[in-house]
């Protein structure tokens, strides 16, 4: 069968416009392991990071909080009652207290009230044992890692595997920690300098939900910065401003003045509509027009975290059609993606972006 020139041109144009062809022309989005392979191992442990690397992660994410003696340790928040066995240590019973952090009242044990040596006596455990019992089987096997221990792991695995594995630290609650004399920005900048990561091309992204912390960090380090945003609320250091307001109008250009990337909650890229996935929003195109990379967070595979129409069965712990979420996000033109299940996200990414 012979094609006319007009038919051939039409076919070529249709192919060029197809999502699969467009994906093939773009660089592969980064696979970012959210708290490590946190769907399969207790979050923020070295075994969670090692598994994520084995599953193909390009970057592994540590949330950073300080200890009483100024070390940067890897926990999602300063309160550690939900992710360690601290409640089983009678010697620390008196440390249980109530604090207000970013307007939220929390009761428990907090990293800033412990030295690193004391934290190292605790054991990590699964945050969601009812939802992730297979991960809870690894409770008690490891301690809370420092950022240095995690970085050492990433570098050792990079040498072993012959590929670069970066780290993606988040400064947690920087306004709060500054208010109690433990500012994060200088500690993190000094750490990156001491470890050869004070460069815009270094395998690191520094992320934060607060504007002031990113602006301060920009004066201290050349490492790339990512501004995190969510569908609701706004920066803790700008209580009268919402994230939605910051991204409207010329907002993207203003964000680009202090950040290199944007980390939106994933439904800001592909919205949930009538229990399913709607068409992609303009967010990626607008961010790219302002020179920002886009790294959405966080895709989880369990039914309990998925839109109603993507769930399989009634058990919230069972996996639903998470591949549909990955495909939609990768198809929307993102530059990287946070997931609790690195292997699942890498599988879909590699199918859409063959090597």
C-alpha atoms as a PDB file:
ATOM      1  CA  UNK A   1       0.000   0.000   0.000  1.00  0.00           C
ATOM      2  CA  UNK A   2       1.350   3.400  -0.954  1.00  0.00           C
ATOM      3  CA  UNK A   3       0.717   6.496   1.166  1.00  0.00           C
ATOM      4  CA  UNK A   4       0.120   9.866  -0.454  1.00  0.00           C
ATOM      5  CA  UNK A   5       2.245  12.730   0.726  1.00  0.00           C
ATOM      6  CA  UNK A   6      -0.779  14.289   2.392  1.00  0.00           C
ATOM      7  CA  UNK A   7      -1.645  11.052   4.223  1.00  0.00           C
ATOM      8  CA  UNK A   8       1.965  10.565   5.269  1.00  0.00           C
ATOM      9  CA  UNK A   9       2.151  14.110   6.599  1.00  0.00           C
ATOM     10  CA  UNK A  10      -1.091  13.627   8.515  1.00  0.00           C
ATOM     11  CA  UNK A  11       0.135  10.370  10.007  1.00  0.00           C
ATOM     12  CA  UNK A  12       3.422  11.963  11.013  1.00  0.00           C
ATOM     13  CA  UNK A  13       1.632  14.882  12.646  1.00  0.00           C
ATOM     14  CA  UNK A  14      -0.681  12.534  14.540  1.00  0.00           C
ATOM     15  CA  UNK A  15       2.274  10.523  15.795  1.00  0.00           C
ATOM     16  CA  UNK A  16       4.122  13.632  16.913  1.00  0.00           C
ATOM     17  CA  UNK A  17       1.056  14.764  18.847  1.00  0.00           C
ATOM     18  CA  UNK A  18       0.566  11.442  20.616  1.00  0.00           C
ATOM     19  CA  UNK A  19       1.438  11.211  24.323  1.00  0.00           C
ATOM     20  CA  UNK A  20       3.736   8.240  23.734  1.00  0.00           C
ATOM     21  CA  UNK A  21       5.753  10.082  21.087  1.00  0.00           C
ATOM     22  CA  UNK A  22       5.892  13.234  23.202  1.00  0.00           C
ATOM     23  CA  UNK A  23       7.124  11.190  26.153  1.00  0.00           C
ATOM     24  CA  UNK A  24       9.826   9.590  24.053  1.00  0.00           C
ATOM     25  CA  UNK A  25      11.179  13.033  23.171  1.00  0.00           C
ATOM     26  CA  UNK A  26      11.377  14.209  26.791  1.00  0.00           C
ATOM     27  CA  UNK A  27      14.065  13.265  29.311  1.00  0.00           C
ATOM     28  CA  UNK A  28      13.024  10.522  31.698  1.00  0.00           C
ATOM     29  CA  UNK A  29      11.329  11.945  34.794  1.00  0.00           C
ATOM     30  CA  UNK A  30      13.256  11.336  37.996  1.00  0.00           C
ATOM     31  CA  UNK A  31      12.129   8.522  40.291  1.00  0.00           C
ATOM     32  CA  UNK A  32      12.137  10.011  43.799  1.00  0.00           C
ATOM     33  CA  UNK A  33      11.785   7.563  46.680  1.00  0.00           C
ATOM     34  CA  UNK A  34       9.506   9.205  49.242  1.00  0.00           C
ATOM     35  CA  UNK A  35      11.092   8.482  52.637  1.00  0.00           C
ATOM     36  CA  UNK A  36      12.779   5.570  50.856  1.00  0.00           C
ATOM     37  CA  UNK A  37      10.712   2.567  49.800  1.00  0.00           C
ATOM     38  CA  UNK A  38       8.325   3.595  52.556  1.00  0.00           C
ATOM     39  CA  UNK A  39       5.481   1.415  51.312  1.00  0.00           C
ATOM     40  CA  UNK A  40       7.610  -1.686  51.909  1.00  0.00           C
ATOM     41  CA  UNK A  41       9.942  -0.843  54.820  1.00  0.00           C
ATOM     42  CA  UNK A  42       9.657   1.479  57.835  1.00  0.00           C
ATOM     43  CA  UNK A  43      10.085   4.998  56.508  1.00  0.00           C
ATOM     44  CA  UNK A  44      13.363   6.892  56.747  1.00  0.00           C
ATOM     45  CA  UNK A  45      15.491   3.849  57.519  1.00  0.00           C
ATOM     46  CA  UNK A  46      18.639   2.826  55.694  1.00  0.00           C
ATOM     47  CA  UNK A  47      16.960  -0.414  54.620  1.00  0.00           C
ATOM     48  CA  UNK A  48      14.100   1.590  53.088  1.00  0.00           C
ATOM     49  CA  UNK A  49      16.603   3.689  51.153  1.00  0.00           C
ATOM     50  CA  UNK A  50      18.634   0.693  50.053  1.00  0.00           C
ATOM     51  CA  UNK A  51      15.532  -1.081  48.761  1.00  0.00           C
ATOM     52  CA  UNK A  52      14.431   2.028  46.874  1.00  0.00           C
ATOM     53  CA  UNK A  53      17.835   2.255  45.211  1.00  0.00           C
ATOM     54  CA  UNK A  54      17.619  -1.418  44.235  1.00  0.00           C
ATOM     55  CA  UNK A  55      14.214  -0.700  42.700  1.00  0.00           C
ATOM     56  CA  UNK A  56      15.653   2.070  40.534  1.00  0.00           C
ATOM     57  CA  UNK A  57      15.354   5.308  42.491  1.00  0.00           C
ATOM     58  CA  UNK A  58      17.283   8.260  41.100  1.00  0.00           C
ATOM     59  CA  UNK A  59      16.872  10.269  44.317  1.00  0.00           C
ATOM     60  CA  UNK A  60      16.091   9.236  47.882  1.00  0.00           C
ATOM     61  CA  UNK A  61      14.300  11.651  50.181  1.00  0.00           C
ATOM     62  CA  UNK A  62      15.204  12.446  53.796  1.00  0.00           C
ATOM     63  CA  UNK A  63      13.079  14.787  55.885  1.00  0.00           C
ATOM     64  CA  UNK A  64      15.451  16.626  58.213  1.00  0.00           C
ATOM     65  CA  UNK A  65      14.959  17.675  61.826  1.00  0.00           C
ATOM     66  CA  UNK A  66      17.625  18.653  64.385  1.00  0.00           C
ATOM     67  CA  UNK A  67      18.665  17.017  67.632  1.00  0.00           C
ATOM     68  CA  UNK A  68      19.264  18.869  70.888  1.00  0.00           C
ATOM     69  CA  UNK A  69      22.982  18.898  70.093  1.00  0.00           C
ATOM     70  CA  UNK A  70      22.516  20.157  66.543  1.00  0.00           C
ATOM     71  CA  UNK A  71      22.783  17.026  64.375  1.00  0.00           C
ATOM     72  CA  UNK A  72      20.525  16.597  61.352  1.00  0.00           C
ATOM     73  CA  UNK A  73      18.541  13.373  61.642  1.00  0.00           C
ATOM     74  CA  UNK A  74      16.063  11.802  59.274  1.00  0.00           C
ATOM     75  CA  UNK A  75      12.439  11.871  60.475  1.00  0.00           C
ATOM     76  CA  UNK A  76       9.257  13.146  58.868  1.00  0.00           C
ATOM     77  CA  UNK A  77       8.509  15.366  61.838  1.00  0.00           C
ATOM     78  CA  UNK A  78      10.155  16.163  65.176  1.00  0.00           C
ATOM     79  CA  UNK A  79       7.579  14.085  67.089  1.00  0.00           C
ATOM     80  CA  UNK A  80       8.885  10.513  67.098  1.00  0.00           C
ATOM     81  CA  UNK A  81       6.261   8.589  69.056  1.00  0.00           C
ATOM     82  CA  UNK A  82       4.667   7.223  65.896  1.00  0.00           C
ATOM     83  CA  UNK A  83       7.832   6.035  64.151  1.00  0.00           C
ATOM     84  CA  UNK A  84      10.045   4.736  66.982  1.00  0.00           C
ATOM     85  CA  UNK A  85       9.769   2.671  70.155  1.00  0.00           C
ATOM     86  CA  UNK A  86      10.444   5.679  72.405  1.00  0.00           C
ATOM     87  CA  UNK A  87       7.268   4.984  74.401  1.00  0.00           C
ATOM     88  CA  UNK A  88       8.817   1.695  75.517  1.00  0.00           C
ATOM     89  CA  UNK A  89      11.833   3.418  77.073  1.00  0.00           C
ATOM     90  CA  UNK A  90      11.064   4.253  80.709  1.00  0.00           C
ATOM     91  CA  UNK A  91      14.192   6.399  80.920  1.00  0.00           C
ATOM     92  CA  UNK A  92      12.553   8.829  78.491  1.00  0.00           C
ATOM     93  CA  UNK A  93       9.048   8.858  79.983  1.00  0.00           C
ATOM     94  CA  UNK A  94       9.655  12.316  81.421  1.00  0.00           C
ATOM     95  CA  UNK A  95      10.453  13.738  77.986  1.00  0.00           C
ATOM     96  CA  UNK A  96       6.852  13.337  76.806  1.00  0.00           C
ATOM     97  CA  UNK A  97       5.376  16.785  76.359  1.00  0.00           C
ATOM     98  CA  UNK A  98       2.948  18.937  74.399  1.00  0.00           C
ATOM     99  CA  UNK A  99       4.065  21.555  71.891  1.00  0.00           C
ATOM    100  CA  UNK A 100       2.508  23.807  69.288  1.00  0.00           C
ATOM    101  CA  UNK A 101       4.265  23.571  65.902  1.00  0.00           C
ATOM    102  CA  UNK A 102       3.001  25.637  62.975  1.00  0.00           C
ATOM    103  CA  UNK A 103      -0.324  26.083  64.758  1.00  0.00           C
ATOM    104  CA  UNK A 104      -0.837  22.367  65.465  1.00  0.00           C
ATOM    105  CA  UNK A 105      -0.867  21.027  69.019  1.00  0.00           C
ATOM    106  CA  UNK A 106       1.180  17.825  69.311  1.00  0.00           C
ATOM    107  CA  UNK A 107       1.835  15.544  72.267  1.00  0.00           C
ATOM    108  CA  UNK A 108       4.732  13.114  72.312  1.00  0.00           C
ATOM    109  CA  UNK A 109       8.507  13.006  72.203  1.00  0.00           C
ATOM    110  CA  UNK A 110      10.485  15.449  70.059  1.00  0.00           C
ATOM    111  CA  UNK A 111      13.921  15.145  68.476  1.00  0.00           C
ATOM    112  CA  UNK A 112      15.011  18.563  69.722  1.00  0.00           C
ATOM    113  CA  UNK A 113      14.761  17.279  73.303  1.00  0.00           C
ATOM    114  CA  UNK A 114      17.205  14.399  72.664  1.00  0.00           C
ATOM    115  CA  UNK A 115      20.895  14.216  71.904  1.00  0.00           C
ATOM    116  CA  UNK A 116      21.968  12.137  68.945  1.00  0.00           C
ATOM    117  CA  UNK A 117      23.396   9.515  71.296  1.00  0.00           C
ATOM    118  CA  UNK A 118      20.026   9.213  73.029  1.00  0.00           C
ATOM    119  CA  UNK A 119      18.114   8.934  69.747  1.00  0.00           C
ATOM    120  CA  UNK A 120      20.458   6.159  68.663  1.00  0.00           C
ATOM    121  CA  UNK A 121      19.110   4.001  71.505  1.00  0.00           C
ATOM    122  CA  UNK A 122      15.663   3.993  69.860  1.00  0.00           C
ATOM    123  CA  UNK A 123      14.442   1.676  67.123  1.00  0.00           C
ATOM    124  CA  UNK A 124      12.444   2.647  64.053  1.00  0.00           C
ATOM    125  CA  UNK A 125       9.022   1.191  63.338  1.00  0.00           C
ATOM    126  CA  UNK A 126       6.313   1.318  60.673  1.00  0.00           C
ATOM    127  CA  UNK A 127       4.029   4.361  60.890  1.00  0.00           C
ATOM    128  CA  UNK A 128       0.990   2.554  59.421  1.00  0.00           C
ATOM    129  CA  UNK A 129       1.168  -1.056  60.681  1.00  0.00           C
ATOM    130  CA  UNK A 130      -2.518  -1.727  60.039  1.00  0.00           C
ATOM    131  CA  UNK A 131      -2.224  -0.624  56.423  1.00  0.00           C
ATOM    132  CA  UNK A 132       1.283  -1.951  55.816  1.00  0.00           C
ATOM    133  CA  UNK A 133       1.741  -5.068  57.986  1.00  0.00           C
ATOM    134  CA  UNK A 134       4.417  -6.445  55.651  1.00  0.00           C
ATOM    135  CA  UNK A 135       6.543  -3.380  56.397  1.00  0.00           C
ATOM    136  CA  UNK A 136       5.875  -3.654  60.133  1.00  0.00           C
ATOM    137  CA  UNK A 137       7.677  -7.010  60.103  1.00  0.00           C
ATOM    138  CA  UNK A 138      10.880  -4.965  59.919  1.00  0.00           C
ATOM    139  CA  UNK A 139      10.132  -2.967  63.066  1.00  0.00           C
ATOM    140  CA  UNK A 140      12.979  -2.649  65.524  1.00  0.00           C
ATOM    141  CA  UNK A 141      15.800  -3.566  63.150  1.00  0.00           C
ATOM    142  CA  UNK A 142      17.324  -0.116  62.707  1.00  0.00           C
ATOM    143  CA  UNK A 143      17.914   3.173  64.477  1.00  0.00           C
ATOM    144  CA  UNK A 144      17.162   6.716  63.342  1.00  0.00           C
ATOM    145  CA  UNK A 145      19.775   7.582  60.694  1.00  0.00           C
ATOM    146  CA  UNK A 146      21.599  10.866  60.362  1.00  0.00           C
ATOM    147  CA  UNK A 147      21.691  12.673  57.048  1.00  0.00           C
ATOM    148  CA  UNK A 148      25.389  11.823  56.830  1.00  0.00           C
ATOM    149  CA  UNK A 149      24.691   8.100  57.200  1.00  0.00           C
ATOM    150  CA  UNK A 150      22.065   8.305  54.486  1.00  0.00           C
ATOM    151  CA  UNK A 151      24.362  10.273  52.173  1.00  0.00           C
ATOM    152  CA  UNK A 152      27.139   7.751  52.748  1.00  0.00           C
ATOM    153  CA  UNK A 153      24.740   4.982  51.712  1.00  0.00           C
ATOM    154  CA  UNK A 154      23.730   6.834  48.538  1.00  0.00           C
ATOM    155  CA  UNK A 155      27.369   7.366  47.586  1.00  0.00           C
ATOM    156  CA  UNK A 156      28.367   3.786  48.325  1.00  0.00           C
ATOM    157  CA  UNK A 157      25.478   2.464  46.231  1.00  0.00           C
ATOM    158  CA  UNK A 158      26.341   4.920  43.451  1.00  0.00           C
ATOM    159  CA  UNK A 159      29.856   3.508  43.281  1.00  0.00           C
ATOM    160  CA  UNK A 160      28.606  -0.076  43.438  1.00  0.00           C
ATOM    161  CA  UNK A 161      25.955   0.354  40.754  1.00  0.00           C
ATOM    162  CA  UNK A 162      27.834   2.764  38.510  1.00  0.00           C
ATOM    163  CA  UNK A 163      25.080   5.385  38.508  1.00  0.00           C
ATOM    164  CA  UNK A 164      24.501   8.549  40.511  1.00  0.00           C
ATOM    165  CA  UNK A 165      21.931   8.391  43.305  1.00  0.00           C
ATOM    166  CA  UNK A 166      21.064  11.792  44.687  1.00  0.00           C
ATOM    167  CA  UNK A 167      19.442  12.926  47.903  1.00  0.00           C
ATOM    168  CA  UNK A 168      16.408  15.191  48.194  1.00  0.00           C
ATOM    169  CA  UNK A 169      16.322  16.654  51.731  1.00  0.00           C
ATOM    170  CA  UNK A 170      13.384  18.611  53.103  1.00  0.00           C
ATOM    171  CA  UNK A 171      13.814  21.281  55.744  1.00  0.00           C
ATOM    172  CA  UNK A 172      10.957  20.512  58.148  1.00  0.00           C
ATOM    173  CA  UNK A 173       9.280  23.311  60.122  1.00  0.00           C
ATOM    174  CA  UNK A 174      12.165  25.796  59.715  1.00  0.00           C
ATOM    175  CA  UNK A 175      10.321  28.709  61.362  1.00  0.00           C
ATOM    176  CA  UNK A 176       9.605  26.603  64.424  1.00  0.00           C
ATOM    177  CA  UNK A 177      13.166  25.378  64.735  1.00  0.00           C
ATOM    178  CA  UNK A 178      14.538  28.901  64.292  1.00  0.00           C
ATOM    179  CA  UNK A 179      12.240  30.046  67.128  1.00  0.00           C
ATOM    180  CA  UNK A 180      13.859  27.560  69.532  1.00  0.00           C
ATOM    181  CA  UNK A 181      17.430  28.316  68.502  1.00  0.00           C
ATOM    182  CA  UNK A 182      17.955  25.400  66.101  1.00  0.00           C
ATOM    183  CA  UNK A 183      17.741  26.975  62.617  1.00  0.00           C
ATOM    184  CA  UNK A 184      17.986  24.496  59.772  1.00  0.00           C
ATOM    185  CA  UNK A 185      19.145  26.638  56.867  1.00  0.00           C
ATOM    186  CA  UNK A 186      22.728  27.245  58.036  1.00  0.00           C
ATOM    187  CA  UNK A 187      23.139  23.688  59.312  1.00  0.00           C
ATOM    188  CA  UNK A 188      22.054  22.206  56.013  1.00  0.00           C
ATOM    189  CA  UNK A 189      24.094  24.629  53.905  1.00  0.00           C
ATOM    190  CA  UNK A 190      27.201  23.905  55.970  1.00  0.00           C
ATOM    191  CA  UNK A 191      26.576  20.172  55.667  1.00  0.00           C
ATOM    192  CA  UNK A 192      26.281  20.333  51.882  1.00  0.00           C
ATOM    193  CA  UNK A 193      29.451  22.420  51.617  1.00  0.00           C
ATOM    194  CA  UNK A 194      31.359  19.990  53.820  1.00  0.00           C
ATOM    195  CA  UNK A 195      30.244  17.113  51.602  1.00  0.00           C
ATOM    196  CA  UNK A 196      31.006  18.647  48.218  1.00  0.00           C
ATOM    197  CA  UNK A 197      27.383  19.444  47.343  1.00  0.00           C
ATOM    198  CA  UNK A 198      27.517  23.240  47.165  1.00  0.00           C
ATOM    199  CA  UNK A 199      26.802  23.358  43.449  1.00  0.00           C
ATOM    200  CA  UNK A 200      23.780  23.872  41.244  1.00  0.00           C
ATOM    201  CA  UNK A 201      24.712  20.690  39.393  1.00  0.00           C
ATOM    202  CA  UNK A 202      25.188  18.608  42.547  1.00  0.00           C
ATOM    203  CA  UNK A 203      22.947  15.520  42.908  1.00  0.00           C
ATOM    204  CA  UNK A 204      20.737  17.171  45.516  1.00  0.00           C
ATOM    205  CA  UNK A 205      17.487  19.121  45.718  1.00  0.00           C
ATOM    206  CA  UNK A 206      16.582  21.058  48.869  1.00  0.00           C
ATOM    207  CA  UNK A 207      12.836  21.303  49.399  1.00  0.00           C
ATOM    208  CA  UNK A 208      10.630  23.219  51.793  1.00  0.00           C
ATOM    209  CA  UNK A 209       7.039  24.407  52.248  1.00  0.00           C
ATOM    210  CA  UNK A 210       8.217  27.783  53.595  1.00  0.00           C
ATOM    211  CA  UNK A 211       9.288  30.741  51.461  1.00  0.00           C
ATOM    212  CA  UNK A 212      11.583  32.454  53.962  1.00  0.00           C
ATOM    213  CA  UNK A 213      13.667  29.342  54.559  1.00  0.00           C
ATOM    214  CA  UNK A 214      14.261  28.828  50.843  1.00  0.00           C
ATOM    215  CA  UNK A 215      15.191  32.481  50.375  1.00  0.00           C
ATOM    216  CA  UNK A 216      17.625  32.301  53.278  1.00  0.00           C
ATOM    217  CA  UNK A 217      19.071  29.036  52.026  1.00  0.00           C
ATOM    218  CA  UNK A 218      19.608  30.602  48.593  1.00  0.00           C
ATOM    219  CA  UNK A 219      22.033  33.076  50.170  1.00  0.00           C
ATOM    220  CA  UNK A 220      24.008  30.257  51.788  1.00  0.00           C
ATOM    221  CA  UNK A 221      24.213  27.519  49.158  1.00  0.00           C
ATOM    222  CA  UNK A 222      24.218  27.005  45.399  1.00  0.00           C
ATOM    223  CA  UNK A 223      22.271  23.738  45.681  1.00  0.00           C
ATOM    224  CA  UNK A 224      18.978  23.713  43.727  1.00  0.00           C
ATOM    225  CA  UNK A 225      15.812  24.466  45.667  1.00  0.00           C
ATOM    226  CA  UNK A 226      12.220  23.217  45.324  1.00  0.00           C
ATOM    227  CA  UNK A 227       9.167  25.005  46.695  1.00  0.00           C
ATOM    228  CA  UNK A 228       6.573  22.560  48.023  1.00  0.00           C
ATOM    229  CA  UNK A 229       2.885  23.430  47.693  1.00  0.00           C
ATOM    230  CA  UNK A 230      -0.395  21.742  48.561  1.00  0.00           C
ATOM    231  CA  UNK A 231      -4.016  22.101  47.511  1.00  0.00           C
ATOM    232  CA  UNK A 232      -4.991  23.576  50.856  1.00  0.00           C
ATOM    233  CA  UNK A 233      -3.299  26.005  53.220  1.00  0.00           C
ATOM    234  CA  UNK A 234      -0.202  28.084  52.747  1.00  0.00           C
ATOM    235  CA  UNK A 235       3.354  28.628  54.029  1.00  0.00           C
ATOM    236  CA  UNK A 236       3.703  28.582  57.806  1.00  0.00           C
ATOM    237  CA  UNK A 237       5.803  31.721  57.589  1.00  0.00           C
ATOM    238  CA  UNK A 238       3.122  33.544  55.535  1.00  0.00           C
ATOM    239  CA  UNK A 239      -0.126  32.737  57.390  1.00  0.00           C
ATOM    240  CA  UNK A 240      -2.249  35.174  55.390  1.00  0.00           C
ATOM    241  CA  UNK A 241      -1.203  33.716  52.017  1.00  0.00           C
ATOM    242  CA  UNK A 242      -2.380  30.482  50.399  1.00  0.00           C
ATOM    243  CA  UNK A 243      -0.392  28.328  48.002  1.00  0.00           C
ATOM    244  CA  UNK A 244      -3.171  28.763  45.447  1.00  0.00           C
ATOM    245  CA  UNK A 245      -2.753  32.540  45.600  1.00  0.00           C
ATOM    246  CA  UNK A 246       1.002  32.220  45.196  1.00  0.00           C
ATOM    247  CA  UNK A 247       0.629  30.227  41.966  1.00  0.00           C
ATOM    248  CA  UNK A 248      -1.998  32.431  40.340  1.00  0.00           C
ATOM    249  CA  UNK A 249      -1.293  35.156  37.789  1.00  0.00           C
ATOM    250  CA  UNK A 250       2.409  36.004  37.773  1.00  0.00           C
ATOM    251  CA  UNK A 251       2.993  33.795  40.809  1.00  0.00           C
ATOM    252  CA  UNK A 252       5.125  31.236  38.991  1.00  0.00           C
ATOM    253  CA  UNK A 253       7.660  33.894  38.026  1.00  0.00           C
ATOM    254  CA  UNK A 254       7.813  35.056  41.639  1.00  0.00           C
ATOM    255  CA  UNK A 255       8.430  31.480  42.795  1.00  0.00           C
ATOM    256  CA  UNK A 256      11.205  31.165  40.197  1.00  0.00           C
ATOM    257  CA  UNK A 257      12.983  34.059  41.924  1.00  0.00           C
ATOM    258  CA  UNK A 258      13.734  31.870  44.957  1.00  0.00           C
ATOM    259  CA  UNK A 259      13.319  28.286  43.699  1.00  0.00           C
ATOM    260  CA  UNK A 260      14.427  26.089  40.821  1.00  0.00           C
ATOM    261  CA  UNK A 261      11.501  23.724  41.015  1.00  0.00           C
ATOM    262  CA  UNK A 262       7.947  23.295  42.212  1.00  0.00           C
ATOM    263  CA  UNK A 263       6.742  20.336  44.266  1.00  0.00           C
ATOM    264  CA  UNK A 264       2.933  20.268  44.023  1.00  0.00           C
ATOM    265  CA  UNK A 265       0.574  17.788  45.620  1.00  0.00           C
ATOM    266  CA  UNK A 266      -0.104  15.435  42.710  1.00  0.00           C
ATOM    267  CA  UNK A 267      -3.825  16.219  42.215  1.00  0.00           C
ATOM    268  CA  UNK A 268      -2.765  19.795  41.422  1.00  0.00           C
ATOM    269  CA  UNK A 269      -1.320  18.324  38.197  1.00  0.00           C
ATOM    270  CA  UNK A 270      -3.948  15.656  37.450  1.00  0.00           C
ATOM    271  CA  UNK A 271      -7.102  16.488  39.424  1.00  0.00           C
ATOM    272  CA  UNK A 272      -9.471  13.991  40.973  1.00  0.00           C
ATOM    273  CA  UNK A 273     -12.829  14.438  39.220  1.00  0.00           C
ATOM    274  CA  UNK A 274     -15.961  12.429  40.072  1.00  0.00           C
ATOM    275  CA  UNK A 275     -13.874   9.754  41.768  1.00  0.00           C
ATOM    276  CA  UNK A 276     -11.529   9.377  38.806  1.00  0.00           C
ATOM    277  CA  UNK A 277      -8.769  11.289  37.058  1.00  0.00           C
ATOM    278  CA  UNK A 278      -9.554  14.435  35.127  1.00  0.00           C
ATOM    279  CA  UNK A 279      -7.513  16.077  32.376  1.00  0.00           C
ATOM    280  CA  UNK A 280      -4.192  17.619  33.358  1.00  0.00           C
ATOM    281  CA  UNK A 281      -4.231  21.193  34.638  1.00  0.00           C
ATOM    282  CA  UNK A 282      -2.050  23.958  33.128  1.00  0.00           C
ATOM    283  CA  UNK A 283       0.274  23.856  36.156  1.00  0.00           C
ATOM    284  CA  UNK A 284       3.148  21.988  34.475  1.00  0.00           C
ATOM    285  CA  UNK A 285       3.134  24.199  31.395  1.00  0.00           C
ATOM    286  CA  UNK A 286       2.979  27.352  33.513  1.00  0.00           C
ATOM    287  CA  UNK A 287       5.808  26.181  35.742  1.00  0.00           C
ATOM    288  CA  UNK A 288       7.957  25.219  32.769  1.00  0.00           C
ATOM    289  CA  UNK A 289       7.296  28.614  31.178  1.00  0.00           C
ATOM    290  CA  UNK A 290       8.720  30.204  34.333  1.00  0.00           C
ATOM    291  CA  UNK A 291      11.780  27.933  34.194  1.00  0.00           C
ATOM    292  CA  UNK A 292      10.703  25.656  37.031  1.00  0.00           C
ATOM    293  CA  UNK A 293      11.003  21.878  37.174  1.00  0.00           C
ATOM    294  CA  UNK A 294       7.912  20.048  38.465  1.00  0.00           C
ATOM    295  CA  UNK A 295       8.198  17.160  40.950  1.00  0.00           C
ATOM    296  CA  UNK A 296       4.746  16.190  42.319  1.00  0.00           C
ATOM    297  CA  UNK A 297       4.192  14.328  45.599  1.00  0.00           C
ATOM    298  CA  UNK A 298       3.219  11.638  46.719  1.00  0.00           C
ATOM    299  CA  UNK A 299       1.697   8.659  44.892  1.00  0.00           C
ATOM    300  CA  UNK A 300       0.742   5.699  47.072  1.00  0.00           C
ATOM    301  CA  UNK A 301      -0.565   2.383  45.798  1.00  0.00           C
ATOM    302  CA  UNK A 302      -3.118   1.421  48.452  1.00  0.00           C
ATOM    303  CA  UNK A 303      -6.841   1.809  47.836  1.00  0.00           C
ATOM    304  CA  UNK A 304      -7.104   4.137  50.806  1.00  0.00           C
ATOM    305  CA  UNK A 305      -4.969   6.728  49.029  1.00  0.00           C
ATOM    306  CA  UNK A 306      -6.467   6.421  45.540  1.00  0.00           C
ATOM    307  CA  UNK A 307      -9.530   8.011  43.897  1.00  0.00           C
ATOM    308  CA  UNK A 308     -12.658   5.881  44.312  1.00  0.00           C
ATOM    309  CA  UNK A 309     -12.809   4.688  40.691  1.00  0.00           C
ATOM    310  CA  UNK A 310      -9.217   3.417  40.821  1.00  0.00           C
ATOM    311  CA  UNK A 311      -9.722   1.223  43.879  1.00  0.00           C
ATOM    312  CA  UNK A 312      -9.795  -2.546  43.583  1.00  0.00           C
ATOM    313  CA  UNK A 313     -11.983  -4.186  46.198  1.00  0.00           C
ATOM    314  CA  UNK A 314     -13.030  -2.849  49.582  1.00  0.00           C
ATOM    315  CA  UNK A 315      -9.833  -3.424  51.557  1.00  0.00           C
ATOM    316  CA  UNK A 316      -8.065  -0.060  52.003  1.00  0.00           C
ATOM    317  CA  UNK A 317      -4.709  -1.867  52.260  1.00  0.00           C
ATOM    318  CA  UNK A 318      -5.012  -3.605  48.888  1.00  0.00           C
ATOM    319  CA  UNK A 319      -3.376  -2.003  45.884  1.00  0.00           C
ATOM    320  CA  UNK A 320      -5.608  -0.279  43.371  1.00  0.00           C
ATOM    321  CA  UNK A 321      -4.925   0.930  39.846  1.00  0.00           C
ATOM    322  CA  UNK A 322      -1.989   3.118  40.834  1.00  0.00           C
ATOM    323  CA  UNK A 323      -0.498   2.661  37.372  1.00  0.00           C
ATOM    324  CA  UNK A 324      -3.239   4.922  36.015  1.00  0.00           C
ATOM    325  CA  UNK A 325      -2.015   7.711  38.287  1.00  0.00           C
ATOM    326  CA  UNK A 326       1.600   7.212  37.247  1.00  0.00           C
ATOM    327  CA  UNK A 327       0.672   7.225  33.559  1.00  0.00           C
ATOM    328  CA  UNK A 328      -1.424  10.364  33.872  1.00  0.00           C
ATOM    329  CA  UNK A 329       1.278  12.260  35.739  1.00  0.00           C
ATOM    330  CA  UNK A 330       4.118  11.182  33.464  1.00  0.00           C
ATOM    331  CA  UNK A 331       1.924  12.028  30.483  1.00  0.00           C
ATOM    332  CA  UNK A 332       1.331  15.528  31.893  1.00  0.00           C
ATOM    333  CA  UNK A 333       4.998  16.397  31.383  1.00  0.00           C
ATOM    334  CA  UNK A 334       6.354  16.298  34.923  1.00  0.00           C
ATOM    335  CA  UNK A 335      10.103  16.167  35.561  1.00  0.00           C
ATOM    336  CA  UNK A 336      10.113  13.847  38.564  1.00  0.00           C
ATOM    337  CA  UNK A 337       7.714  12.031  40.879  1.00  0.00           C
ATOM    338  CA  UNK A 338       7.624  11.088  44.549  1.00  0.00           C
ATOM    339  CA  UNK A 339       6.251   7.633  45.340  1.00  0.00           C
ATOM    340  CA  UNK A 340       6.120   5.301  48.339  1.00  0.00           C
ATOM    341  CA  UNK A 341       6.533   2.360  45.936  1.00  0.00           C
ATOM    342  CA  UNK A 342       9.611   3.099  43.866  1.00  0.00           C
ATOM    343  CA  UNK A 343       9.527  -0.141  41.905  1.00  0.00           C
ATOM    344  CA  UNK A 344       5.976   0.445  40.690  1.00  0.00           C
ATOM    345  CA  UNK A 345       6.669   4.014  39.602  1.00  0.00           C
ATOM    346  CA  UNK A 346       9.906   3.046  37.849  1.00  0.00           C
ATOM    347  CA  UNK A 347       8.172   0.222  35.967  1.00  0.00           C
ATOM    348  CA  UNK A 348       5.571   2.559  34.453  1.00  0.00           C
ATOM    349  CA  UNK A 349       8.111   5.298  33.815  1.00  0.00           C
ATOM    350  CA  UNK A 350      10.417   2.940  31.953  1.00  0.00           C
ATOM    351  CA  UNK A 351       7.539   1.660  29.840  1.00  0.00           C
ATOM    352  CA  UNK A 352       6.667   5.228  28.834  1.00  0.00           C
ATOM    353  CA  UNK A 353      10.262   6.403  28.538  1.00  0.00           C
ATOM    354  CA  UNK A 354      12.323   3.498  27.173  1.00  0.00           C
ATOM    355  CA  UNK A 355      16.072   3.750  27.590  1.00  0.00           C
END
